[in-house]
Amino acid sequence: ISLSVGFSSISTFNRIFRQSNNCTPSEYRRKHDPLKR
């Protein structure tokens, strides 16, 4: 996902995503998956 939307590295994506959403991409995904909650 990070590469497909234009980020050059997973670390940059994780940092900017957390700044924007106050959670990591993994935490965000878990919130959207009822089974994982």
Full PDB file with SEQRES, HELIX, SHEET, SSBOND, CRYST1, ORIGX, SCALE, CONECT and MASTER records, all heavy atoms in Angstrom:
SEQRES   1 A   37  ILE SER LEU SER VAL GLY PHE SER SER ILE SER THR PHE          
SEQRES   2 A   37  ASN ARG ILE PHE ARG GLN SER ASN ASN CYS THR PRO SER          
SEQRES   3 A   37  GLU TYR ARG ARG LYS HIS ASP PRO LEU LYS ARG                  
HELIX    1 AA1 ILE A   10  ASN A   21  1                                  12    
HELIX    2 AA2 PRO A   25  HIS A   32  1                                   8    
HELIX    3 AA3 PRO A   34  LYS A   36  5                                   3    
CRYST1    1.000    1.000    1.000  90.00  90.00  90.00 P 1           1          
ORIGX1      1.000000  0.000000  0.000000        0.00000                         
ORIGX2      0.000000  1.000000  0.000000        0.00000                         
ORIGX3      0.000000  0.000000  1.000000        0.00000                         
SCALE1      1.000000  0.000000  0.000000        0.00000                         
SCALE2      0.000000  1.000000  0.000000        0.00000                         
SCALE3      0.000000  0.000000  1.000000        0.00000                         
ATOM      1  N   ILE A   1       0.833  -1.204   0.000  1.00  0.00           N  
ATOM      2  CA  ILE A   1       0.000   0.000   0.000  1.00  0.00           C  
ATOM      3  C   ILE A   1       0.867   1.254   0.000  1.00  0.00           C  
ATOM      4  O   ILE A   1       0.616   2.196  -0.763  1.00  0.00           O  
ATOM      5  CB  ILE A   1      -0.946  -0.007   1.221  1.00  0.00           C  
ATOM      6  CG1 ILE A   1      -2.011  -1.091   1.055  1.00  0.00           C  
ATOM      7  CG2 ILE A   1      -1.600   1.362   1.403  1.00  0.00           C  
ATOM      8  CD1 ILE A   1      -2.862  -1.312   2.279  1.00  0.00           C  
ATOM      9  N   SER A   2       1.903   1.274   0.841  1.00  0.00           N  
ATOM     10  CA  SER A   2       2.748   2.466   0.925  1.00  0.00           C  
ATOM     11  C   SER A   2       3.402   2.780  -0.407  1.00  0.00           C  
ATOM     12  O   SER A   2       3.488   3.943  -0.821  1.00  0.00           O  
ATOM     13  CB  SER A   2       3.812   2.287   2.013  1.00  0.00           C  
ATOM     14  OG  SER A   2       4.771   1.316   1.642  1.00  0.00           O  
ATOM     15  N   LEU A   3       3.861   1.751  -1.113  1.00  0.00           N  
ATOM     16  CA  LEU A   3       4.494   1.959  -2.417  1.00  0.00           C  
ATOM     17  C   LEU A   3       3.467   2.346  -3.478  1.00  0.00           C  
ATOM     18  O   LEU A   3       3.739   3.177  -4.344  1.00  0.00           O  
ATOM     19  CB  LEU A   3       5.240   0.689  -2.837  1.00  0.00           C  
ATOM     20  CG  LEU A   3       6.439   0.303  -1.963  1.00  0.00           C  
ATOM     21  CD1 LEU A   3       7.009  -1.039  -2.404  1.00  0.00           C  
ATOM     22  CD2 LEU A   3       7.525   1.385  -2.010  1.00  0.00           C  
ATOM     23  N   SER A   4       2.278   1.759  -3.391  1.00  0.00           N  
ATOM     24  CA  SER A   4       1.270   2.004  -4.431  1.00  0.00           C  
ATOM     25  C   SER A   4       0.709   3.413  -4.387  1.00  0.00           C  
ATOM     26  O   SER A   4       0.187   3.911  -5.391  1.00  0.00           O  
ATOM     27  CB  SER A   4       0.128   0.992  -4.307  1.00  0.00           C  
ATOM     28  OG  SER A   4      -0.651   1.235  -3.146  1.00  0.00           O  
ATOM     29  N   VAL A   5       0.799   4.087  -3.224  1.00  0.00           N  
ATOM     30  CA  VAL A   5       0.267   5.450  -3.135  1.00  0.00           C  
ATOM     31  C   VAL A   5       1.359   6.509  -3.265  1.00  0.00           C  
ATOM     32  O   VAL A   5       1.076   7.705  -3.154  1.00  0.00           O  
ATOM     33  CB  VAL A   5      -0.526   5.666  -1.827  1.00  0.00           C  
ATOM     34  CG1 VAL A   5      -1.708   4.707  -1.747  1.00  0.00           C  
ATOM     35  CG2 VAL A   5       0.373   5.533  -0.604  1.00  0.00           C  
ATOM     36  N   GLY A   6       2.615   6.066  -3.478  1.00  0.00           N  
ATOM     37  CA  GLY A   6       3.654   7.045  -3.806  1.00  0.00           C  
ATOM     38  C   GLY A   6       4.729   7.284  -2.772  1.00  0.00           C  
ATOM     39  O   GLY A   6       5.588   8.149  -2.978  1.00  0.00           O  
ATOM     40  N   PHE A   7       4.717   6.544  -1.665  1.00  0.00           N  
ATOM     41  CA  PHE A   7       5.774   6.715  -0.666  1.00  0.00           C  
ATOM     42  C   PHE A   7       6.974   5.853  -1.047  1.00  0.00           C  
ATOM     43  O   PHE A   7       6.830   4.699  -1.454  1.00  0.00           O  
ATOM     44  CB  PHE A   7       5.273   6.345   0.734  1.00  0.00           C  
ATOM     45  CG  PHE A   7       4.322   7.356   1.305  1.00  0.00           C  
ATOM     46  CD1 PHE A   7       2.949   7.173   1.190  1.00  0.00           C  
ATOM     47  CD2 PHE A   7       4.787   8.503   1.931  1.00  0.00           C  
ATOM     48  CE1 PHE A   7       2.064   8.108   1.700  1.00  0.00           C  
ATOM     49  CE2 PHE A   7       3.912   9.444   2.439  1.00  0.00           C  
ATOM     50  CZ  PHE A   7       2.545   9.250   2.322  1.00  0.00           C  
ATOM     51  N   SER A   8       8.166   6.409  -0.875  1.00  0.00           N  
ATOM     52  CA  SER A   8       9.384   5.709  -1.298  1.00  0.00           C  
ATOM     53  C   SER A   8       9.861   4.687  -0.288  1.00  0.00           C  
ATOM     54  O   SER A   8      10.658   3.804  -0.615  1.00  0.00           O  
ATOM     55  CB  SER A   8      10.508   6.719  -1.563  1.00  0.00           C  
ATOM     56  OG  SER A   8      10.746   7.502  -0.399  1.00  0.00           O  
ATOM     57  N   SER A   9       9.388   4.799   0.967  1.00  0.00           N  
ATOM     58  CA  SER A   9       9.815   3.839   1.986  1.00  0.00           C  
ATOM     59  C   SER A   9       8.696   3.606   2.985  1.00  0.00           C  
ATOM     60  O   SER A   9       7.866   4.493   3.233  1.00  0.00           O  
ATOM     61  CB  SER A   9      11.061   4.336   2.718  1.00  0.00           C  
ATOM     62  OG  SER A   9      10.748   5.425   3.568  1.00  0.00           O  
ATOM     63  N   ILE A  10       8.690   2.411   3.576  1.00  0.00           N  
ATOM     64  CA  ILE A  10       7.663   2.070   4.551  1.00  0.00           C  
ATOM     65  C   ILE A  10       7.827   2.897   5.822  1.00  0.00           C  
ATOM     66  O   ILE A  10       6.842   3.262   6.475  1.00  0.00           O  
ATOM     67  CB  ILE A  10       7.709   0.555   4.874  1.00  0.00           C  
ATOM     68  CG1 ILE A  10       6.555   0.162   5.804  1.00  0.00           C  
ATOM     69  CG2 ILE A  10       9.051   0.165   5.464  1.00  0.00           C  
ATOM     70  CD1 ILE A  10       5.199   0.275   5.185  1.00  0.00           C  
ATOM     71  N   SER A  11       9.063   3.253   6.182  1.00  0.00           N  
ATOM     72  CA  SER A  11       9.288   4.041   7.397  1.00  0.00           C  
ATOM     73  C   SER A  11       8.695   5.445   7.250  1.00  0.00           C  
ATOM     74  O   SER A  11       8.085   5.980   8.185  1.00  0.00           O  
ATOM     75  CB  SER A  11      10.782   4.120   7.719  1.00  0.00           C  
ATOM     76  OG  SER A  11      11.491   4.724   6.658  1.00  0.00           O  
ATOM     77  N   THR A  12       8.879   6.050   6.068  1.00  0.00           N  
ATOM     78  CA  THR A  12       8.290   7.378   5.812  1.00  0.00           C  
ATOM     79  C   THR A  12       6.772   7.300   5.856  1.00  0.00           C  
ATOM     80  O   THR A  12       6.102   8.156   6.454  1.00  0.00           O  
ATOM     81  CB  THR A  12       8.749   7.915   4.451  1.00  0.00           C  
ATOM     82  OG1 THR A  12      10.171   8.016   4.425  1.00  0.00           O  
ATOM     83  CG2 THR A  12       8.148   9.291   4.175  1.00  0.00           C  
ATOM     84  N   PHE A  13       6.217   6.272   5.230  1.00  0.00           N  
ATOM     85  CA  PHE A  13       4.763   6.088   5.219  1.00  0.00           C  
ATOM     86  C   PHE A  13       4.231   5.939   6.650  1.00  0.00           C  
ATOM     87  O   PHE A  13       3.249   6.596   7.028  1.00  0.00           O  
ATOM     88  CB  PHE A  13       4.410   4.863   4.384  1.00  0.00           C  
ATOM     89  CG  PHE A  13       2.960   4.472   4.458  1.00  0.00           C  
ATOM     90  CD1 PHE A  13       1.967   5.338   4.041  1.00  0.00           C  
ATOM     91  CD2 PHE A  13       2.590   3.221   4.949  1.00  0.00           C  
ATOM     92  CE1 PHE A  13       0.624   4.987   4.112  1.00  0.00           C  
ATOM     93  CE2 PHE A  13       1.260   2.849   5.026  1.00  0.00           C  
ATOM     94  CZ  PHE A  13       0.268   3.731   4.609  1.00  0.00           C  
ATOM     95  N   ASN A  14       4.876   5.083   7.447  1.00  0.00           N  
ATOM     96  CA  ASN A  14       4.416   4.862   8.821  1.00  0.00           C  
ATOM     97  C   ASN A  14       4.452   6.154   9.633  1.00  0.00           C  
ATOM     98  O   ASN A  14       3.517   6.455  10.387  1.00  0.00           O  
ATOM     99  CB  ASN A  14       5.289   3.802   9.505  1.00  0.00           C  
ATOM    100  CG  ASN A  14       4.966   2.396   9.042  1.00  0.00           C  
ATOM    101  OD1 ASN A  14       3.854   2.120   8.602  1.00  0.00           O  
ATOM    102  ND2 ASN A  14       5.943   1.501   9.125  1.00  0.00           N  
ATOM    103  N   ARG A  15       5.525   6.924   9.471  1.00  0.00           N  
ATOM    104  CA  ARG A  15       5.666   8.161  10.237  1.00  0.00           C  
ATOM    105  C   ARG A  15       4.599   9.184   9.858  1.00  0.00           C  
ATOM    106  O   ARG A  15       3.939   9.770  10.733  1.00  0.00           O  
ATOM    107  CB  ARG A  15       7.068   8.749  10.015  1.00  0.00           C  
ATOM    108  CG  ARG A  15       7.300  10.100  10.681  1.00  0.00           C  
ATOM    109  CD  ARG A  15       8.748  10.541  10.527  1.00  0.00           C  
ATOM    110  NE  ARG A  15       9.173  10.549   9.131  1.00  0.00           N  
ATOM    111  CZ  ARG A  15       8.895  11.526   8.254  1.00  0.00           C  
ATOM    112  NH1 ARG A  15       8.175  12.573   8.649  1.00  0.00           N  
ATOM    113  NH2 ARG A  15       9.349  11.471   7.018  1.00  0.00           N  
ATOM    114  N   ILE A  16       4.411   9.400   8.564  1.00  0.00           N  
ATOM    115  CA  ILE A  16       3.441  10.401   8.113  1.00  0.00           C  
ATOM    116  C   ILE A  16       2.013   9.945   8.403  1.00  0.00           C  
ATOM    117  O   ILE A  16       1.156  10.751   8.786  1.00  0.00           O  
ATOM    118  CB  ILE A  16       3.639  10.694   6.612  1.00  0.00           C  
ATOM    119  CG1 ILE A  16       4.999  11.372   6.406  1.00  0.00           C  
ATOM    120  CG2 ILE A  16       2.519  11.569   6.068  1.00  0.00           C  
ATOM    121  CD1 ILE A  16       5.344  11.658   4.966  1.00  0.00           C  
ATOM    122  N   PHE A  17       1.745   8.652   8.242  1.00  0.00           N  
ATOM    123  CA  PHE A  17       0.395   8.145   8.526  1.00  0.00           C  
ATOM    124  C   PHE A  17       0.057   8.347   9.997  1.00  0.00           C  
ATOM    125  O   PHE A  17      -1.061   8.768  10.332  1.00  0.00           O  
ATOM    126  CB  PHE A  17       0.299   6.662   8.163  1.00  0.00           C  
ATOM    127  CG  PHE A  17      -1.117   6.148   8.153  1.00  0.00           C  
ATOM    128  CD1 PHE A  17      -1.850   6.134   6.982  1.00  0.00           C  
ATOM    129  CD2 PHE A  17      -1.725   5.700   9.323  1.00  0.00           C  
ATOM    130  CE1 PHE A  17      -3.168   5.678   6.974  1.00  0.00           C  
ATOM    131  CE2 PHE A  17      -3.033   5.253   9.318  1.00  0.00           C  
ATOM    132  CZ  PHE A  17      -3.758   5.236   8.138  1.00  0.00           C  
ATOM    133  N   ARG A  18       1.011   8.067  10.861  1.00  0.00           N  
ATOM    134  CA  ARG A  18       0.771   8.243  12.297  1.00  0.00           C  
ATOM    135  C   ARG A  18       0.541   9.716  12.636  1.00  0.00           C  
ATOM    136  O   ARG A  18      -0.317  10.043  13.473  1.00  0.00           O  
ATOM    137  CB  ARG A  18       1.944   7.688  13.102  1.00  0.00           C  
ATOM    138  CG  ARG A  18       1.685   7.658  14.598  1.00  0.00           C  
ATOM    139  CD  ARG A  18       2.862   7.102  15.372  1.00  0.00           C  
ATOM    140  NE  ARG A  18       2.508   6.979  16.783  1.00  0.00           N  
ATOM    141  CZ  ARG A  18       1.976   5.908  17.338  1.00  0.00           C  
ATOM    142  NH1 ARG A  18       1.738   4.841  16.596  1.00  0.00           N  
ATOM    143  NH2 ARG A  18       1.673   5.875  18.623  1.00  0.00           N  
ATOM    144  N   GLN A  19       1.288  10.610  12.003  1.00  0.00           N  
ATOM    145  CA  GLN A  19       1.086  12.045  12.233  1.00  0.00           C  
ATOM    146  C   GLN A  19      -0.315  12.464  11.815  1.00  0.00           C  
ATOM    147  O   GLN A  19      -0.945  13.312  12.462  1.00  0.00           O  
ATOM    148  CB  GLN A  19       2.126  12.844  11.444  1.00  0.00           C  
ATOM    149  CG  GLN A  19       3.541  12.755  11.999  1.00  0.00           C  
ATOM    150  CD  GLN A  19       4.561  13.427  11.096  1.00  0.00           C  
ATOM    151  OE1 GLN A  19       4.251  13.832   9.969  1.00  0.00           O  
ATOM    152  NE2 GLN A  19       5.787  13.554  11.583  1.00  0.00           N  
ATOM    153  N   SER A  20      -0.823  11.897  10.735  1.00  0.00           N  
ATOM    154  CA  SER A  20      -2.121  12.283  10.190  1.00  0.00           C  
ATOM    155  C   SER A  20      -3.288  11.658  10.938  1.00  0.00           C  
ATOM    156  O   SER A  20      -4.350  12.274  11.073  1.00  0.00           O  
ATOM    157  CB  SER A  20      -2.213  11.894   8.709  1.00  0.00           C  
ATOM    158  OG  SER A  20      -1.205  12.526   7.951  1.00  0.00           O  
ATOM    159  N   ASN A  21      -3.119  10.413  11.414  1.00  0.00           N  
ATOM    160  CA  ASN A  21      -4.239   9.663  11.979  1.00  0.00           C  
ATOM    161  C   ASN A  21      -4.078   9.287  13.448  1.00  0.00           C  
ATOM    162  O   ASN A  21      -4.958   8.651  14.018  1.00  0.00           O  
ATOM    163  CB  ASN A  21      -4.458   8.380  11.166  1.00  0.00           C  
ATOM    164  CG  ASN A  21      -4.915   8.669   9.751  1.00  0.00           C  
ATOM    165  OD1 ASN A  21      -6.059   8.998   9.510  1.00  0.00           O  
ATOM    166  ND2 ASN A  21      -4.002   8.550   8.801  1.00  0.00           N  
ATOM    167  N   ASN A  22      -2.940   9.661  14.030  1.00  0.00           N  
ATOM    168  CA  ASN A  22      -2.675   9.354  15.435  1.00  0.00           C  
ATOM    169  C   ASN A  22      -2.715   7.851  15.714  1.00  0.00           C  
ATOM    170  O   ASN A  22      -3.044   7.417  16.822  1.00  0.00           O  
ATOM    171  CB  ASN A  22      -3.676  10.068  16.349  1.00  0.00           C  
ATOM    172  CG  ASN A  22      -3.104  10.281  17.744  1.00  0.00           C  
ATOM    173  OD1 ASN A  22      -1.918  10.535  17.913  1.00  0.00           O  
ATOM    174  ND2 ASN A  22      -3.954  10.176  18.745  1.00  0.00           N  
ATOM    175  N   CYS A  23      -2.409   7.053  14.721  1.00  0.00           N  
ATOM    176  CA  CYS A  23      -2.294   5.605  14.885  1.00  0.00           C  
ATOM    177  C   CYS A  23      -1.448   5.082  13.737  1.00  0.00           C  
ATOM    178  O   CYS A  23      -1.291   5.752  12.709  1.00  0.00           O  
ATOM    179  CB  CYS A  23      -3.657   4.912  14.909  1.00  0.00           C  
ATOM    180  SG  CYS A  23      -4.580   5.021  13.354  1.00  0.00           S  
ATOM    181  N   THR A  24      -0.893   3.905  13.901  1.00  0.00           N  
ATOM    182  CA  THR A  24      -0.089   3.310  12.833  1.00  0.00           C  
ATOM    183  C   THR A  24      -1.018   2.722  11.772  1.00  0.00           C  
ATOM    184  O   THR A  24      -2.208   2.488  12.036  1.00  0.00           O  
ATOM    185  CB  THR A  24       0.802   2.190  13.388  1.00  0.00           C  
ATOM    186  OG1 THR A  24      -0.050   1.114  13.845  1.00  0.00           O  
ATOM    187  CG2 THR A  24       1.662   2.692  14.532  1.00  0.00           C  
ATOM    188  N   PRO A  25      -0.504   2.455  10.574  1.00  0.00           N  
ATOM    189  CA  PRO A  25      -1.332   1.788   9.560  1.00  0.00           C  
ATOM    190  C   PRO A  25      -1.894   0.456  10.060  1.00  0.00           C  
ATOM    191  O   PRO A  25      -3.049   0.113   9.746  1.00  0.00           O  
ATOM    192  CB  PRO A  25      -0.355   1.604   8.393  1.00  0.00           C  
ATOM    193  CG  PRO A  25       0.630   2.708   8.544  1.00  0.00           C  
ATOM    194  CD  PRO A  25       0.805   2.868  10.023  1.00  0.00           C  
ATOM    195  N   SER A  26      -1.116  -0.298  10.821  1.00  0.00           N  
ATOM    196  CA  SER A  26      -1.588  -1.588  11.354  1.00  0.00           C  
ATOM    197  C   SER A  26      -2.753  -1.385  12.311  1.00  0.00           C  
ATOM    198  O   SER A  26      -3.750  -2.128  12.257  1.00  0.00           O  
ATOM    199  CB  SER A  26      -0.453  -2.309  12.076  1.00  0.00           C  
ATOM    200  OG  SER A  26       0.595  -2.614  11.198  1.00  0.00           O  
ATOM    201  N   GLU A  27      -2.656  -0.380  13.175  1.00  0.00           N  
ATOM    202  CA  GLU A  27      -3.746  -0.097  14.118  1.00  0.00           C  
ATOM    203  C   GLU A  27      -4.989   0.372  13.371  1.00  0.00           C  
ATOM    204  O   GLU A  27      -6.117  -0.008  13.714  1.00  0.00           O  
ATOM    205  CB  GLU A  27      -3.288   0.960  15.120  1.00  0.00           C  
ATOM    206  CG  GLU A  27      -2.227   0.468  16.089  1.00  0.00           C  
ATOM    207  CD  GLU A  27      -1.585   1.584  16.887  1.00  0.00           C  
ATOM    208  OE1 GLU A  27      -1.664   2.757  16.450  1.00  0.00           O  
ATOM    209  OE2 GLU A  27      -0.974   1.290  17.926  1.00  0.00           O  
ATOM    210  N   TYR A  28      -4.783   1.191  12.346  1.00  0.00           N  
ATOM    211  CA  TYR A  28      -5.901   1.671  11.538  1.00  0.00           C  
ATOM    212  C   TYR A  28      -6.605   0.495  10.866  1.00  0.00           C  
ATOM    213  O   TYR A  28      -7.837   0.415  10.862  1.00  0.00           O  
ATOM    214  CB  TYR A  28      -5.383   2.649  10.487  1.00  0.00           C  
ATOM    215  CG  TYR A  28      -6.443   3.315   9.649  1.00  0.00           C  
ATOM    216  CD1 TYR A  28      -6.964   4.553  10.004  1.00  0.00           C  
ATOM    217  CD2 TYR A  28      -6.931   2.715   8.485  1.00  0.00           C  
ATOM    218  CE1 TYR A  28      -7.934   5.170   9.238  1.00  0.00           C  
ATOM    219  CE2 TYR A  28      -7.901   3.318   7.713  1.00  0.00           C  
ATOM    220  CZ  TYR A  28      -8.398   4.550   8.094  1.00  0.00           C  
ATOM    221  OH  TYR A  28      -9.371   5.152   7.323  1.00  0.00           O  
ATOM    222  N   ARG A  29      -5.833  -0.410  10.302  1.00  0.00           N  
ATOM    223  CA  ARG A  29      -6.415  -1.587   9.625  1.00  0.00           C  
ATOM    224  C   ARG A  29      -7.201  -2.435  10.620  1.00  0.00           C  
ATOM    225  O   ARG A  29      -8.304  -2.908  10.299  1.00  0.00           O  
ATOM    226  CB  ARG A  29      -5.320  -2.407   8.963  1.00  0.00           C  
ATOM    227  CG  ARG A  29      -5.758  -3.793   8.494  1.00  0.00           C  
ATOM    228  CD  ARG A  29      -4.736  -4.421   7.583  1.00  0.00           C  
ATOM    229  NE  ARG A  29      -4.964  -4.008   6.204  1.00  0.00           N  
ATOM    230  CZ  ARG A  29      -4.156  -4.334   5.190  1.00  0.00           C  
ATOM    231  NH1 ARG A  29      -3.063  -5.030   5.406  1.00  0.00           N  
ATOM    232  NH2 ARG A  29      -4.451  -3.933   3.962  1.00  0.00           N  
ATOM    233  N   ARG A  30      -6.663  -2.615  11.813  1.00  0.00           N  
ATOM    234  CA  ARG A  30      -7.344  -3.433  12.810  1.00  0.00           C  
ATOM    235  C   ARG A  30      -8.691  -2.815  13.210  1.00  0.00           C  
ATOM    236  O   ARG A  30      -9.667  -3.533  13.435  1.00  0.00           O  
ATOM    237  CB  ARG A  30      -6.449  -3.593  14.036  1.00  0.00           C  
ATOM    238  CG  ARG A  30      -6.988  -4.594  15.061  1.00  0.00           C  
ATOM    239  CD  ARG A  30      -5.938  -4.989  16.075  1.00  0.00           C  
ATOM    240  NE  ARG A  30      -5.418  -3.852  16.810  1.00  0.00           N  
ATOM    241  CZ  ARG A  30      -4.186  -3.353  16.662  1.00  0.00           C  
ATOM    242  NH1 ARG A  30      -3.343  -3.897  15.788  1.00  0.00           N  
ATOM    243  NH2 ARG A  30      -3.774  -2.324  17.379  1.00  0.00           N  
ATOM    244  N   LYS A  31      -8.726  -1.502  13.283  1.00  0.00           N  
ATOM    245  CA  LYS A  31      -9.984  -0.834  13.633  1.00  0.00           C  
ATOM    246  C   LYS A  31     -11.054  -1.034  12.576  1.00  0.00           C  
ATOM    247  O   LYS A  31     -12.245  -0.933  12.857  1.00  0.00           O  
ATOM    248  CB  LYS A  31      -9.736   0.666  13.847  1.00  0.00           C  
ATOM    249  CG  LYS A  31      -8.911   0.974  15.087  1.00  0.00           C  
ATOM    250  CD  LYS A  31      -8.588   2.456  15.165  1.00  0.00           C  
ATOM    251  CE  LYS A  31      -7.691   2.766  16.364  1.00  0.00           C  
ATOM    252  NZ  LYS A  31      -7.329   4.191  16.448  1.00  0.00           N  
ATOM    253  N   HIS A  32     -10.617  -1.278  11.327  1.00  0.00           N  
ATOM    254  CA  HIS A  32     -11.570  -1.474  10.243  1.00  0.00           C  
ATOM    255  C   HIS A  32     -11.940  -2.937  10.030  1.00  0.00           C  
ATOM    256  O   HIS A  32     -12.761  -3.248   9.168  1.00  0.00           O  
ATOM    257  CB  HIS A  32     -11.000  -0.908   8.933  1.00  0.00           C  
ATOM    258  CG  HIS A  32     -11.144   0.575   8.827  1.00  0.00           C  
ATOM    259  ND1 HIS A  32     -10.314   1.443   9.489  1.00  0.00           N  
ATOM    260  CD2 HIS A  32     -12.036   1.347   8.158  1.00  0.00           C  
ATOM    261  CE1 HIS A  32     -10.681   2.687   9.215  1.00  0.00           C  
ATOM    262  NE2 HIS A  32     -11.715   2.660   8.423  1.00  0.00           N  
ATOM    263  N   ASP A  33     -11.302  -3.827  10.798  1.00  0.00           N  
ATOM    264  CA  ASP A  33     -11.560  -5.257  10.631  1.00  0.00           C  
ATOM    265  C   ASP A  33     -12.225  -5.781  11.887  1.00  0.00           C  
ATOM    266  O   ASP A  33     -11.577  -5.995  12.909  1.00  0.00           O  
ATOM    267  CB  ASP A  33     -10.247  -6.002  10.388  1.00  0.00           C  
ATOM    268  CG  ASP A  33     -10.483  -7.467  10.016  1.00  0.00           C  
ATOM    269  OD1 ASP A  33     -11.584  -7.980  10.314  1.00  0.00           O  
ATOM    270  OD2 ASP A  33      -9.576  -8.083   9.424  1.00  0.00           O  
ATOM    271  N   PRO A  34     -13.551  -6.007  11.875  1.00  0.00           N  
ATOM    272  CA  PRO A  34     -14.261  -6.447  13.071  1.00  0.00           C  
ATOM    273  C   PRO A  34     -13.713  -7.733  13.660  1.00  0.00           C  
ATOM    274  O   PRO A  34     -13.689  -7.907  14.863  1.00  0.00           O  
ATOM    275  CB  PRO A  34     -15.704  -6.648  12.573  1.00  0.00           C  
ATOM    276  CG  PRO A  34     -15.812  -5.829  11.333  1.00  0.00           C  
ATOM    277  CD  PRO A  34     -14.424  -5.868  10.722  1.00  0.00           C  
ATOM    278  N   LEU A  35     -13.225  -8.657  12.812  1.00  0.00           N  
ATOM    279  CA  LEU A  35     -12.718  -9.943  13.297  1.00  0.00           C  
ATOM    280  C   LEU A  35     -11.457  -9.766  14.126  1.00  0.00           C  
ATOM    281  O   LEU A  35     -11.233 -10.458  15.104  1.00  0.00           O  
ATOM    282  CB  LEU A  35     -12.454 -10.887  12.118  1.00  0.00           C  
ATOM    283  CG  LEU A  35     -13.679 -11.338  11.331  1.00  0.00           C  
ATOM    284  CD1 LEU A  35     -13.264 -12.218  10.173  1.00  0.00           C  
ATOM    285  CD2 LEU A  35     -14.663 -12.080  12.236  1.00  0.00           C  
ATOM    286  N   LYS A  36     -10.600  -8.779  13.724  1.00  0.00           N  
ATOM    287  CA  LYS A  36      -9.354  -8.542  14.443  1.00  0.00           C  
ATOM    288  C   LYS A  36      -9.572  -7.788  15.737  1.00  0.00           C  
ATOM    289  O   LYS A  36      -8.682  -7.691  16.563  1.00  0.00           O  
ATOM    290  CB  LYS A  36      -8.364  -7.786  13.541  1.00  0.00           C  
ATOM    291  CG  LYS A  36      -7.852  -8.639  12.397  1.00  0.00           C  
ATOM    292  CD  LYS A  36      -6.809  -7.891  11.589  1.00  0.00           C  
ATOM    293  CE  LYS A  36      -6.297  -8.762  10.445  1.00  0.00           C  
ATOM    294  NZ  LYS A  36      -5.275  -8.084   9.622  1.00  0.00           N  
ATOM    295  N   ARG A  37     -10.757  -7.211  15.918  1.00  0.00           N  
ATOM    296  CA  ARG A  37     -11.021  -6.486  17.155  1.00  0.00           C  
ATOM    297  C   ARG A  37     -11.571  -7.407  18.233  1.00  0.00           C  
ATOM    298  O   ARG A  37     -11.713  -7.036  19.375  1.00  0.00           O  
ATOM    299  CB  ARG A  37     -12.040  -5.343  16.904  1.00  0.00           C  
ATOM    300  CG  ARG A  37     -11.511  -4.235  16.046  1.00  0.00           C  
ATOM    301  CD  ARG A  37     -12.275  -2.949  16.306  1.00  0.00           C  
ATOM    302  NE  ARG A  37     -13.679  -3.103  16.028  1.00  0.00           N  
ATOM    303  CZ  ARG A  37     -14.257  -2.734  14.886  1.00  0.00           C  
ATOM    304  NH1 ARG A  37     -13.527  -2.226  13.913  1.00  0.00           N  
ATOM    305  NH2 ARG A  37     -15.543  -2.872  14.711  1.00  0.00           N  
TER     306      ARG A  37                                                      
MASTER        0    0    0    3    0    0    0    6  305    1    0    3          
END                                                                             
